[in-house]
Amino acid sequence: MERKKEFVRAKLARRNLLPAQPAGPHGGTIINIITAIVFFGLIALGVLWVIKNIGEAGQQYTEGMIKTQNKAVAVKCQLNMRTISQNIQMYAMSNDSFPPSLEALIEFCGSTQLFQCPDPEGGKYVYIPGQNNSMPPTNILLYEPKPVHDGRCCVLRLNGQIELLSPEQLEEAVAQTQAIFRK
């Protein structure tokens, strides 16, 4: 019987199904453990790499969404000013002068929401009355006093141009506009 087992074992060894010599009771255990540690360590490293990259992608996505939202608010503010500019021009055509005050302009437009920055931290726009089309086109006609668009303020010039200015630039432009009235 023992001879028959050896014959079967030798036959299977030739087919590479069983080892030719049986391993001892502890043979290969250390190698198997080291191989398992290396294998699972590589898998853990791969999982950590994927988690880290997913976290960075999520952060980049969030930052991108915030920037897009801020740009959308700035564009909406500029669209408000464009609409106000058109209303001022219509008022000037109807009355042969610009509105004497912000209240008169709001009454002509019929909407108070148009005269406020859509940013939650933004405030009401400031109108500089007493101007006409014969004044310098770079005069400030309407502006927002708080720099809520990446540290800049939205400004409407007399010629209809809309810009984003830093607080320092805004202060200088408003001073130049008001200097014309002092002359």
N, C-alpha and C. Protein backbone atom coordinates (compact mmCIF):
# COMPACT_ATOMS: atom_id res chain seq x y z
N MET A 1 0.82 -1.18 0.00
CA MET A 1 0.00 0.00 0.00
C MET A 1 0.88 1.26 0.00
N GLU A 2 1.95 1.19 0.80
CA GLU A 2 2.86 2.32 0.86
C GLU A 2 3.50 2.57 -0.50
N ARG A 3 3.79 1.54 -1.20
CA ARG A 3 4.39 1.66 -2.51
C ARG A 3 3.44 2.31 -3.50
N LYS A 4 2.17 1.99 -3.38
CA LYS A 4 1.15 2.56 -4.27
C LYS A 4 1.02 4.07 -4.02
N LYS A 5 1.10 4.50 -2.74
CA LYS A 5 1.02 5.91 -2.41
C LYS A 5 2.20 6.67 -2.99
N GLU A 6 3.39 6.05 -2.89
CA GLU A 6 4.56 6.71 -3.46
C GLU A 6 4.44 6.82 -4.96
N PHE A 7 3.88 5.81 -5.59
CA PHE A 7 3.71 5.84 -7.05
C PHE A 7 2.76 6.98 -7.46
N VAL A 8 1.65 7.11 -6.74
CA VAL A 8 0.68 8.17 -7.04
C VAL A 8 1.31 9.54 -6.78
N ARG A 9 2.07 9.63 -5.70
CA ARG A 9 2.72 10.88 -5.37
C ARG A 9 3.73 11.28 -6.45
N ALA A 10 4.48 10.34 -6.89
CA ALA A 10 5.47 10.61 -7.94
C ALA A 10 4.78 11.00 -9.24
N LYS A 11 3.69 10.34 -9.55
CA LYS A 11 2.94 10.66 -10.76
C LYS A 11 2.37 12.08 -10.70
N LEU A 12 1.81 12.49 -9.54
CA LEU A 12 1.26 13.82 -9.37
C LEU A 12 2.37 14.87 -9.35
N ALA A 13 3.51 14.53 -8.81
CA ALA A 13 4.64 15.46 -8.80
C ALA A 13 5.08 15.78 -10.22
N ARG A 14 5.01 14.77 -11.08
CA ARG A 14 5.37 14.99 -12.47
C ARG A 14 4.38 15.94 -13.13
N ARG A 15 3.20 15.90 -12.70
CA ARG A 15 2.17 16.81 -13.26
C ARG A 15 2.17 18.16 -12.54
N ASN A 16 3.03 18.36 -11.60
CA ASN A 16 3.15 19.59 -10.81
C ASN A 16 1.93 19.87 -9.94
N LEU A 17 1.25 18.87 -9.53
CA LEU A 17 0.11 19.08 -8.65
C LEU A 17 0.51 18.98 -7.19
N LEU A 18 1.45 18.13 -6.88
CA LEU A 18 1.93 17.98 -5.51
C LEU A 18 3.44 18.08 -5.51
N PRO A 19 4.04 18.58 -4.43
CA PRO A 19 5.49 18.60 -4.39
C PRO A 19 6.06 17.18 -4.33
N ALA A 20 7.25 17.02 -4.86
CA ALA A 20 7.87 15.69 -4.87
C ALA A 20 8.17 15.23 -3.46
N GLN A 21 8.63 16.13 -2.62
CA GLN A 21 8.93 15.81 -1.24
C GLN A 21 7.96 16.56 -0.35
N PRO A 22 7.27 15.92 0.53
CA PRO A 22 6.38 16.64 1.43
C PRO A 22 7.19 17.52 2.37
N ALA A 23 6.67 18.73 2.64
CA ALA A 23 7.34 19.65 3.55
C ALA A 23 7.17 19.18 4.96
N GLY A 24 8.11 19.59 5.81
CA GLY A 24 8.01 19.23 7.21
C GLY A 24 6.83 19.96 7.85
N PRO A 25 6.54 19.67 9.09
CA PRO A 25 5.38 20.27 9.73
C PRO A 25 5.48 21.79 9.85
N HIS A 26 6.68 22.40 9.87
CA HIS A 26 6.84 23.84 9.97
C HIS A 26 7.51 24.43 8.73
N GLY A 27 7.71 23.69 7.71
CA GLY A 27 8.43 24.16 6.54
C GLY A 27 7.65 25.22 5.78
N GLY A 28 8.28 26.36 5.46
CA GLY A 28 7.69 27.40 4.65
C GLY A 28 6.78 28.35 5.41
N THR A 29 6.54 28.16 6.67
CA THR A 29 5.63 28.99 7.44
C THR A 29 6.15 30.42 7.54
N ILE A 30 7.40 30.60 7.81
CA ILE A 30 7.96 31.95 7.94
C ILE A 30 7.88 32.68 6.62
N ILE A 31 8.21 32.00 5.54
CA ILE A 31 8.12 32.62 4.21
C ILE A 31 6.68 33.00 3.89
N ASN A 32 5.76 32.14 4.23
CA ASN A 32 4.33 32.45 4.00
C ASN A 32 3.88 33.67 4.80
N ILE A 33 4.34 33.78 6.03
CA ILE A 33 3.97 34.91 6.88
C ILE A 33 4.56 36.20 6.32
N ILE A 34 5.83 36.18 5.94
CA ILE A 34 6.47 37.37 5.38
C ILE A 34 5.77 37.79 4.09
N THR A 35 5.47 36.81 3.25
CA THR A 35 4.77 37.10 1.99
C THR A 35 3.40 37.72 2.26
N ALA A 36 2.68 37.20 3.23
CA ALA A 36 1.35 37.74 3.58
C ALA A 36 1.47 39.16 4.11
N ILE A 37 2.48 39.42 4.96
CA ILE A 37 2.67 40.77 5.50
C ILE A 37 2.97 41.76 4.39
N VAL A 38 3.87 41.37 3.48
CA VAL A 38 4.21 42.26 2.36
C VAL A 38 2.98 42.50 1.48
N PHE A 39 2.26 41.44 1.18
CA PHE A 39 1.07 41.54 0.32
C PHE A 39 0.02 42.46 0.94
N PHE A 40 -0.32 42.22 2.19
CA PHE A 40 -1.35 43.05 2.83
C PHE A 40 -0.84 44.48 3.08
N GLY A 41 0.45 44.63 3.30
CA GLY A 41 1.03 45.97 3.44
C GLY A 41 0.89 46.76 2.15
N LEU A 42 1.14 46.12 1.02
CA LEU A 42 0.97 46.79 -0.28
C LEU A 42 -0.49 47.15 -0.54
N ILE A 43 -1.38 46.26 -0.16
CA ILE A 43 -2.81 46.57 -0.32
C ILE A 43 -3.20 47.75 0.56
N ALA A 44 -2.73 47.78 1.80
CA ALA A 44 -3.04 48.90 2.71
C ALA A 44 -2.46 50.20 2.16
N LEU A 45 -1.25 50.15 1.63
CA LEU A 45 -0.64 51.33 1.05
C LEU A 45 -1.46 51.84 -0.13
N GLY A 46 -1.92 50.93 -0.97
CA GLY A 46 -2.77 51.32 -2.12
C GLY A 46 -4.08 51.94 -1.66
N VAL A 47 -4.69 51.38 -0.65
CA VAL A 47 -5.95 51.92 -0.12
C VAL A 47 -5.73 53.32 0.45
N LEU A 48 -4.66 53.51 1.21
CA LEU A 48 -4.36 54.83 1.77
C LEU A 48 -4.11 55.85 0.67
N TRP A 49 -3.42 55.44 -0.38
CA TRP A 49 -3.15 56.35 -1.51
C TRP A 49 -4.46 56.78 -2.17
N VAL A 50 -5.37 55.81 -2.39
CA VAL A 50 -6.66 56.13 -3.00
C VAL A 50 -7.46 57.07 -2.10
N ILE A 51 -7.49 56.81 -0.81
CA ILE A 51 -8.24 57.66 0.12
C ILE A 51 -7.67 59.08 0.12
N LYS A 52 -6.35 59.19 0.13
CA LYS A 52 -5.71 60.51 0.12
C LYS A 52 -6.08 61.27 -1.15
N ASN A 53 -6.01 60.61 -2.29
CA ASN A 53 -6.33 61.28 -3.56
C ASN A 53 -7.81 61.65 -3.65
N ILE A 54 -8.67 60.83 -3.11
CA ILE A 54 -10.10 61.17 -3.11
C ILE A 54 -10.34 62.38 -2.22
N GLY A 55 -9.65 62.45 -1.08
CA GLY A 55 -9.79 63.60 -0.19
C GLY A 55 -9.31 64.88 -0.85
N GLU A 56 -8.17 64.82 -1.55
CA GLU A 56 -7.66 66.00 -2.24
C GLU A 56 -8.60 66.42 -3.37
N ALA A 57 -9.15 65.44 -4.08
CA ALA A 57 -10.07 65.77 -5.17
C ALA A 57 -11.33 66.43 -4.61
N GLY A 58 -11.81 65.94 -3.48
CA GLY A 58 -12.98 66.54 -2.86
C GLY A 58 -12.72 67.96 -2.42
N GLN A 59 -11.54 68.19 -1.89
CA GLN A 59 -11.17 69.55 -1.45
C GLN A 59 -11.06 70.48 -2.66
N GLN A 60 -10.44 70.01 -3.73
CA GLN A 60 -10.32 70.83 -4.94
C GLN A 60 -11.71 71.12 -5.53
N TYR A 61 -12.60 70.13 -5.49
CA TYR A 61 -13.95 70.33 -5.99
C TYR A 61 -14.68 71.38 -5.17
N THR A 62 -14.54 71.29 -3.85
CA THR A 62 -15.20 72.25 -2.96
C THR A 62 -14.68 73.66 -3.20
N GLU A 63 -13.34 73.80 -3.31
CA GLU A 63 -12.76 75.11 -3.56
C GLU A 63 -13.22 75.66 -4.91
N GLY A 64 -13.29 74.79 -5.91
CA GLY A 64 -13.77 75.21 -7.23
C GLY A 64 -15.21 75.68 -7.19
N MET A 65 -16.05 74.99 -6.45
CA MET A 65 -17.45 75.38 -6.34
C MET A 65 -17.60 76.73 -5.63
N ILE A 66 -16.80 76.95 -4.60
CA ILE A 66 -16.86 78.23 -3.88
C ILE A 66 -16.42 79.37 -4.79
N LYS A 67 -15.33 79.16 -5.55
CA LYS A 67 -14.86 80.19 -6.47
C LYS A 67 -15.91 80.47 -7.54
N THR A 68 -16.53 79.43 -8.04
CA THR A 68 -17.57 79.60 -9.06
C THR A 68 -18.76 80.37 -8.50
N GLN A 69 -19.14 80.05 -7.28
CA GLN A 69 -20.26 80.76 -6.66
C GLN A 69 -19.91 82.23 -6.45
N ASN A 70 -18.68 82.52 -6.02
CA ASN A 70 -18.27 83.91 -5.83
C ASN A 70 -18.27 84.67 -7.15
N LYS A 71 -17.81 84.02 -8.21
CA LYS A 71 -17.81 84.66 -9.53
C LYS A 71 -19.24 84.90 -10.00
N ALA A 72 -20.13 83.96 -9.72
CA ALA A 72 -21.53 84.13 -10.12
C ALA A 72 -22.17 85.32 -9.41
N VAL A 73 -21.84 85.50 -8.13
CA VAL A 73 -22.37 86.64 -7.38
C VAL A 73 -21.83 87.94 -7.96
N ALA A 74 -20.54 87.96 -8.32
CA ALA A 74 -19.94 89.17 -8.91
C ALA A 74 -20.60 89.49 -10.25
N VAL A 75 -20.87 88.47 -11.03
CA VAL A 75 -21.53 88.69 -12.33
C VAL A 75 -22.95 89.21 -12.11
N LYS A 76 -23.66 88.66 -11.13
CA LYS A 76 -25.02 89.14 -10.85
C LYS A 76 -24.99 90.60 -10.41
N CYS A 77 -23.99 90.97 -9.62
CA CYS A 77 -23.83 92.36 -9.19
C CYS A 77 -23.60 93.25 -10.41
N GLN A 78 -22.75 92.80 -11.31
CA GLN A 78 -22.47 93.57 -12.52
C GLN A 78 -23.72 93.68 -13.40
N LEU A 79 -24.51 92.62 -13.46
CA LEU A 79 -25.76 92.67 -14.22
C LEU A 79 -26.75 93.65 -13.60
N ASN A 80 -26.79 93.70 -12.26
CA ASN A 80 -27.63 94.69 -11.58
C ASN A 80 -27.21 96.10 -12.01
N MET A 81 -25.90 96.32 -12.01
CA MET A 81 -25.41 97.66 -12.39
C MET A 81 -25.70 97.96 -13.85
N ARG A 82 -25.62 96.97 -14.70
CA ARG A 82 -25.94 97.17 -16.12
C ARG A 82 -27.42 97.58 -16.26
N THR A 83 -28.28 96.92 -15.53
CA THR A 83 -29.71 97.25 -15.56
C THR A 83 -29.95 98.65 -15.02
N ILE A 84 -29.28 99.00 -13.94
CA ILE A 84 -29.40 100.35 -13.37
C ILE A 84 -28.93 101.38 -14.39
N SER A 85 -27.82 101.10 -15.06
CA SER A 85 -27.30 102.02 -16.09
C SER A 85 -28.34 102.25 -17.19
N GLN A 86 -28.98 101.19 -17.61
CA GLN A 86 -30.01 101.32 -18.64
C GLN A 86 -31.20 102.13 -18.13
N ASN A 87 -31.56 101.92 -16.87
CA ASN A 87 -32.66 102.69 -16.28
C ASN A 87 -32.30 104.17 -16.15
N ILE A 88 -31.05 104.45 -15.81
CA ILE A 88 -30.62 105.85 -15.71
C ILE A 88 -30.69 106.51 -17.09
N GLN A 89 -30.27 105.80 -18.12
CA GLN A 89 -30.33 106.35 -19.47
C GLN A 89 -31.78 106.59 -19.90
N MET A 90 -32.68 105.66 -19.56
CA MET A 90 -34.10 105.86 -19.89
C MET A 90 -34.67 107.05 -19.12
N TYR A 91 -34.27 107.18 -17.84
CA TYR A 91 -34.72 108.32 -17.04
C TYR A 91 -34.22 109.62 -17.67
N ALA A 92 -32.95 109.62 -18.10
CA ALA A 92 -32.37 110.83 -18.71
C ALA A 92 -33.09 111.19 -20.01
N MET A 93 -33.48 110.20 -20.79
CA MET A 93 -34.22 110.48 -22.03
C MET A 93 -35.60 111.04 -21.74
N SER A 94 -36.23 110.53 -20.69
CA SER A 94 -37.58 110.98 -20.34
C SER A 94 -37.58 112.35 -19.66
N ASN A 95 -36.58 112.66 -18.87
CA ASN A 95 -36.58 113.86 -18.03
C ASN A 95 -35.49 114.86 -18.36
N ASP A 96 -34.70 114.61 -19.37
CA ASP A 96 -33.59 115.47 -19.80
C ASP A 96 -32.55 115.69 -18.71
N SER A 97 -32.46 114.81 -17.75
CA SER A 97 -31.42 114.87 -16.71
C SER A 97 -31.35 113.52 -16.02
N PHE A 98 -30.28 113.33 -15.28
CA PHE A 98 -30.15 112.11 -14.49
C PHE A 98 -31.01 112.24 -13.24
N PRO A 99 -31.35 111.13 -12.60
CA PRO A 99 -32.17 111.20 -11.38
C PRO A 99 -31.49 112.05 -10.31
N PRO A 100 -32.27 112.87 -9.59
CA PRO A 100 -31.69 113.74 -8.57
C PRO A 100 -31.23 113.00 -7.31
N SER A 101 -31.75 111.77 -7.10
CA SER A 101 -31.38 111.01 -5.91
C SER A 101 -31.56 109.52 -6.17
N LEU A 102 -31.03 108.74 -5.27
CA LEU A 102 -31.19 107.29 -5.38
C LEU A 102 -32.66 106.91 -5.22
N GLU A 103 -33.36 107.61 -4.35
CA GLU A 103 -34.78 107.32 -4.12
C GLU A 103 -35.60 107.56 -5.40
N ALA A 104 -35.29 108.64 -6.12
CA ALA A 104 -35.99 108.92 -7.38
C ALA A 104 -35.69 107.83 -8.40
N LEU A 105 -34.48 107.36 -8.42
CA LEU A 105 -34.10 106.28 -9.35
C LEU A 105 -34.80 104.98 -8.98
N ILE A 106 -34.87 104.68 -7.69
CA ILE A 106 -35.57 103.46 -7.24
C ILE A 106 -37.04 103.55 -7.58
N GLU A 107 -37.65 104.71 -7.38
CA GLU A 107 -39.06 104.90 -7.72
C GLU A 107 -39.28 104.71 -9.22
N PHE A 108 -38.34 105.20 -10.04
CA PHE A 108 -38.45 105.06 -11.49
C PHE A 108 -38.32 103.58 -11.90
N CYS A 109 -37.42 102.87 -11.24
CA CYS A 109 -37.18 101.45 -11.58
C CYS A 109 -38.26 100.54 -11.02
N GLY A 110 -38.74 100.85 -9.83
CA GLY A 110 -39.78 100.04 -9.22
C GLY A 110 -39.26 98.83 -8.46
N SER A 111 -37.96 98.68 -8.30
CA SER A 111 -37.43 97.52 -7.58
C SER A 111 -36.29 97.96 -6.67
N THR A 112 -36.39 97.61 -5.39
CA THR A 112 -35.32 97.95 -4.46
C THR A 112 -34.23 96.87 -4.44
N GLN A 113 -34.57 95.63 -4.83
CA GLN A 113 -33.59 94.54 -4.83
C GLN A 113 -32.47 94.79 -5.83
N LEU A 114 -32.77 95.53 -6.86
CA LEU A 114 -31.80 95.82 -7.90
C LEU A 114 -30.67 96.70 -7.38
N PHE A 115 -30.91 97.45 -6.32
CA PHE A 115 -29.96 98.42 -5.80
C PHE A 115 -29.17 97.90 -4.60
N GLN A 116 -29.02 96.60 -4.54
CA GLN A 116 -28.27 95.99 -3.45
C GLN A 116 -27.45 94.84 -4.01
N CYS A 117 -26.23 94.72 -3.54
CA CYS A 117 -25.35 93.64 -3.99
C CYS A 117 -25.96 92.29 -3.58
N PRO A 118 -25.96 91.30 -4.49
CA PRO A 118 -26.55 90.01 -4.15
C PRO A 118 -25.73 89.20 -3.14
N ASP A 119 -24.50 89.61 -2.88
CA ASP A 119 -23.67 88.91 -1.90
C ASP A 119 -24.27 89.16 -0.51
N PRO A 120 -24.38 88.13 0.34
CA PRO A 120 -24.96 88.32 1.67
C PRO A 120 -24.23 89.37 2.51
N GLU A 121 -22.93 89.55 2.27
CA GLU A 121 -22.16 90.55 3.02
C GLU A 121 -22.17 91.91 2.34
N GLY A 122 -22.70 91.96 1.12
CA GLY A 122 -22.74 93.23 0.38
C GLY A 122 -23.81 94.15 0.93
N GLY A 123 -23.69 95.37 0.58
CA GLY A 123 -24.66 96.36 1.05
C GLY A 123 -25.37 97.03 -0.10
N LYS A 124 -26.04 98.14 0.22
CA LYS A 124 -26.74 98.91 -0.80
C LYS A 124 -25.74 99.71 -1.61
N TYR A 125 -26.08 99.90 -2.88
CA TYR A 125 -25.23 100.70 -3.76
C TYR A 125 -25.34 102.17 -3.39
N VAL A 126 -24.29 102.93 -3.70
CA VAL A 126 -24.26 104.36 -3.44
C VAL A 126 -24.31 105.08 -4.79
N TYR A 127 -25.26 106.00 -4.91
CA TYR A 127 -25.46 106.77 -6.14
C TYR A 127 -24.91 108.17 -5.92
N ILE A 128 -24.16 108.68 -6.91
CA ILE A 128 -23.62 110.04 -6.81
C ILE A 128 -24.46 110.92 -7.74
N PRO A 129 -25.43 111.67 -7.19
CA PRO A 129 -26.33 112.48 -8.03
C PRO A 129 -25.66 113.76 -8.53
N GLY A 130 -26.38 114.46 -9.40
CA GLY A 130 -25.94 115.77 -9.89
C GLY A 130 -25.04 115.69 -11.10
N GLN A 131 -24.99 114.58 -11.78
CA GLN A 131 -24.12 114.44 -12.93
C GLN A 131 -24.94 114.48 -14.22
N ASN A 132 -24.24 114.68 -15.33
CA ASN A 132 -24.90 114.66 -16.64
C ASN A 132 -23.93 114.11 -17.68
N ASN A 133 -24.42 113.93 -18.89
CA ASN A 133 -23.61 113.32 -19.95
C ASN A 133 -22.44 114.18 -20.42
N SER A 134 -22.42 115.47 -20.07
CA SER A 134 -21.32 116.33 -20.51
C SER A 134 -20.11 116.25 -19.57
N MET A 135 -20.25 115.54 -18.47
CA MET A 135 -19.14 115.38 -17.52
C MET A 135 -18.19 114.28 -18.01
N PRO A 136 -17.01 114.18 -17.42
CA PRO A 136 -16.05 113.14 -17.85
C PRO A 136 -16.67 111.74 -17.75
N PRO A 137 -16.49 110.93 -18.79
CA PRO A 137 -17.11 109.60 -18.79
C PRO A 137 -16.54 108.65 -17.74
N THR A 138 -15.39 109.00 -17.16
CA THR A 138 -14.79 108.12 -16.13
C THR A 138 -15.34 108.41 -14.73
N ASN A 139 -16.24 109.38 -14.61
CA ASN A 139 -16.84 109.66 -13.30
C ASN A 139 -17.57 108.42 -12.79
N ILE A 140 -17.58 108.29 -11.47
CA ILE A 140 -18.32 107.20 -10.83
C ILE A 140 -19.76 107.66 -10.66
N LEU A 141 -20.68 106.83 -11.15
CA LEU A 141 -22.10 107.16 -11.04
C LEU A 141 -22.74 106.35 -9.90
N LEU A 142 -22.32 105.10 -9.78
CA LEU A 142 -22.89 104.21 -8.77
C LEU A 142 -21.80 103.23 -8.35
N TYR A 143 -21.73 102.90 -7.06
CA TYR A 143 -20.73 101.94 -6.59
C TYR A 143 -21.23 101.23 -5.36
N GLU A 144 -20.59 100.11 -5.07
CA GLU A 144 -20.89 99.43 -3.80
C GLU A 144 -19.75 99.71 -2.84
N PRO A 145 -20.07 100.08 -1.62
CA PRO A 145 -19.02 100.51 -0.68
C PRO A 145 -18.20 99.38 -0.08
N LYS A 146 -18.72 98.15 -0.06
CA LYS A 146 -17.99 97.05 0.58
C LYS A 146 -17.28 96.21 -0.48
N PRO A 147 -16.02 95.88 -0.25
CA PRO A 147 -15.27 95.04 -1.20
C PRO A 147 -15.57 93.55 -0.98
N VAL A 148 -16.67 93.08 -1.53
CA VAL A 148 -17.09 91.69 -1.31
C VAL A 148 -16.77 90.75 -2.46
N HIS A 149 -16.25 91.25 -3.56
CA HIS A 149 -15.94 90.40 -4.71
C HIS A 149 -14.43 90.21 -4.80
N ASP A 150 -13.94 89.24 -4.03
CA ASP A 150 -12.49 88.98 -3.94
C ASP A 150 -11.73 90.24 -3.55
N GLY A 151 -12.27 91.00 -2.63
CA GLY A 151 -11.60 92.20 -2.15
C GLY A 151 -11.77 93.40 -3.06
N ARG A 152 -12.73 93.35 -3.96
CA ARG A 152 -12.96 94.47 -4.88
C ARG A 152 -14.42 94.89 -4.84
N CYS A 153 -14.66 96.13 -5.28
CA CYS A 153 -16.00 96.72 -5.29
C CYS A 153 -16.46 96.88 -6.74
N CYS A 154 -17.73 96.66 -6.97
CA CYS A 154 -18.30 96.87 -8.30
C CYS A 154 -18.65 98.34 -8.47
N VAL A 155 -18.32 98.88 -9.66
CA VAL A 155 -18.47 100.31 -9.92
C VAL A 155 -19.12 100.52 -11.28
N LEU A 156 -20.04 101.50 -11.36
CA LEU A 156 -20.64 101.91 -12.63
C LEU A 156 -20.14 103.31 -12.94
N ARG A 157 -19.51 103.44 -14.09
CA ARG A 157 -19.00 104.76 -14.51
C ARG A 157 -20.07 105.48 -15.33
N LEU A 158 -19.87 106.75 -15.53
CA LEU A 158 -20.84 107.59 -16.24
C LEU A 158 -21.06 107.11 -17.68
N ASN A 159 -20.02 106.55 -18.30
CA ASN A 159 -20.16 106.08 -19.69
C ASN A 159 -20.79 104.69 -19.78
N GLY A 160 -21.21 104.12 -18.66
CA GLY A 160 -21.86 102.81 -18.65
C GLY A 160 -20.91 101.66 -18.41
N GLN A 161 -19.62 101.94 -18.31
CA GLN A 161 -18.63 100.90 -18.07
C GLN A 161 -18.74 100.41 -16.62
N ILE A 162 -18.64 99.09 -16.46
CA ILE A 162 -18.71 98.48 -15.14
C ILE A 162 -17.36 97.84 -14.85
N GLU A 163 -16.85 98.11 -13.66
CA GLU A 163 -15.53 97.61 -13.28
C GLU A 163 -15.55 97.07 -11.87
N LEU A 164 -14.53 96.27 -11.56
CA LEU A 164 -14.27 95.86 -10.19
C LEU A 164 -12.99 96.57 -9.75
N LEU A 165 -13.10 97.39 -8.71
CA LEU A 165 -11.96 98.17 -8.23
C LEU A 165 -11.61 97.77 -6.80
N SER A 166 -10.33 97.90 -6.48
CA SER A 166 -9.91 97.69 -5.09
C SER A 166 -10.43 98.86 -4.26
N PRO A 167 -10.51 98.72 -2.95
CA PRO A 167 -11.00 99.83 -2.12
C PRO A 167 -10.18 101.12 -2.31
N GLU A 168 -8.87 100.97 -2.50
CA GLU A 168 -8.03 102.15 -2.70
C GLU A 168 -8.36 102.84 -4.03
N GLN A 169 -8.52 102.05 -5.09
CA GLN A 169 -8.88 102.60 -6.40
C GLN A 169 -10.25 103.26 -6.35
N LEU A 170 -11.19 102.62 -5.64
CA LEU A 170 -12.53 103.18 -5.51
C LEU A 170 -12.49 104.52 -4.79
N GLU A 171 -11.76 104.57 -3.70
CA GLU A 171 -11.66 105.81 -2.93
C GLU A 171 -11.11 106.95 -3.79
N GLU A 172 -10.09 106.64 -4.57
CA GLU A 172 -9.48 107.65 -5.45
C GLU A 172 -10.46 108.09 -6.55
N ALA A 173 -11.18 107.12 -7.15
CA ALA A 173 -12.11 107.45 -8.23
C ALA A 173 -13.30 108.28 -7.71
N VAL A 174 -13.80 107.94 -6.53
CA VAL A 174 -14.90 108.70 -5.93
C VAL A 174 -14.42 110.11 -5.60
N ALA A 175 -13.21 110.24 -5.08
CA ALA A 175 -12.67 111.56 -4.76
C ALA A 175 -12.53 112.41 -6.02
N GLN A 176 -12.10 111.80 -7.12
CA GLN A 176 -11.99 112.54 -8.39
C GLN A 176 -13.35 112.98 -8.88
N THR A 177 -14.34 112.10 -8.74
CA THR A 177 -15.71 112.46 -9.18
C THR A 177 -16.25 113.59 -8.34
N GLN A 178 -16.09 113.53 -7.02
CA GLN A 178 -16.61 114.57 -6.14
C GLN A 178 -15.83 115.87 -6.25
N ALA A 179 -14.59 115.80 -6.70
CA ALA A 179 -13.78 117.02 -6.88
C ALA A 179 -14.38 117.88 -8.00
N ILE A 180 -15.03 117.27 -8.96
CA ILE A 180 -15.65 118.02 -10.06
C ILE A 180 -16.78 118.90 -9.53
N PHE A 181 -17.50 118.42 -8.52
CA PHE A 181 -18.61 119.19 -7.96
C PHE A 181 -18.11 120.37 -7.13
N ARG A 182 -16.90 120.29 -6.60
CA ARG A 182 -16.36 121.37 -5.77
C ARG A 182 -15.84 122.54 -6.61
N LYS A 183 -15.59 122.32 -7.88
CA LYS A 183 -15.04 123.36 -8.74
C LYS A 183 -16.04 124.42 -9.07
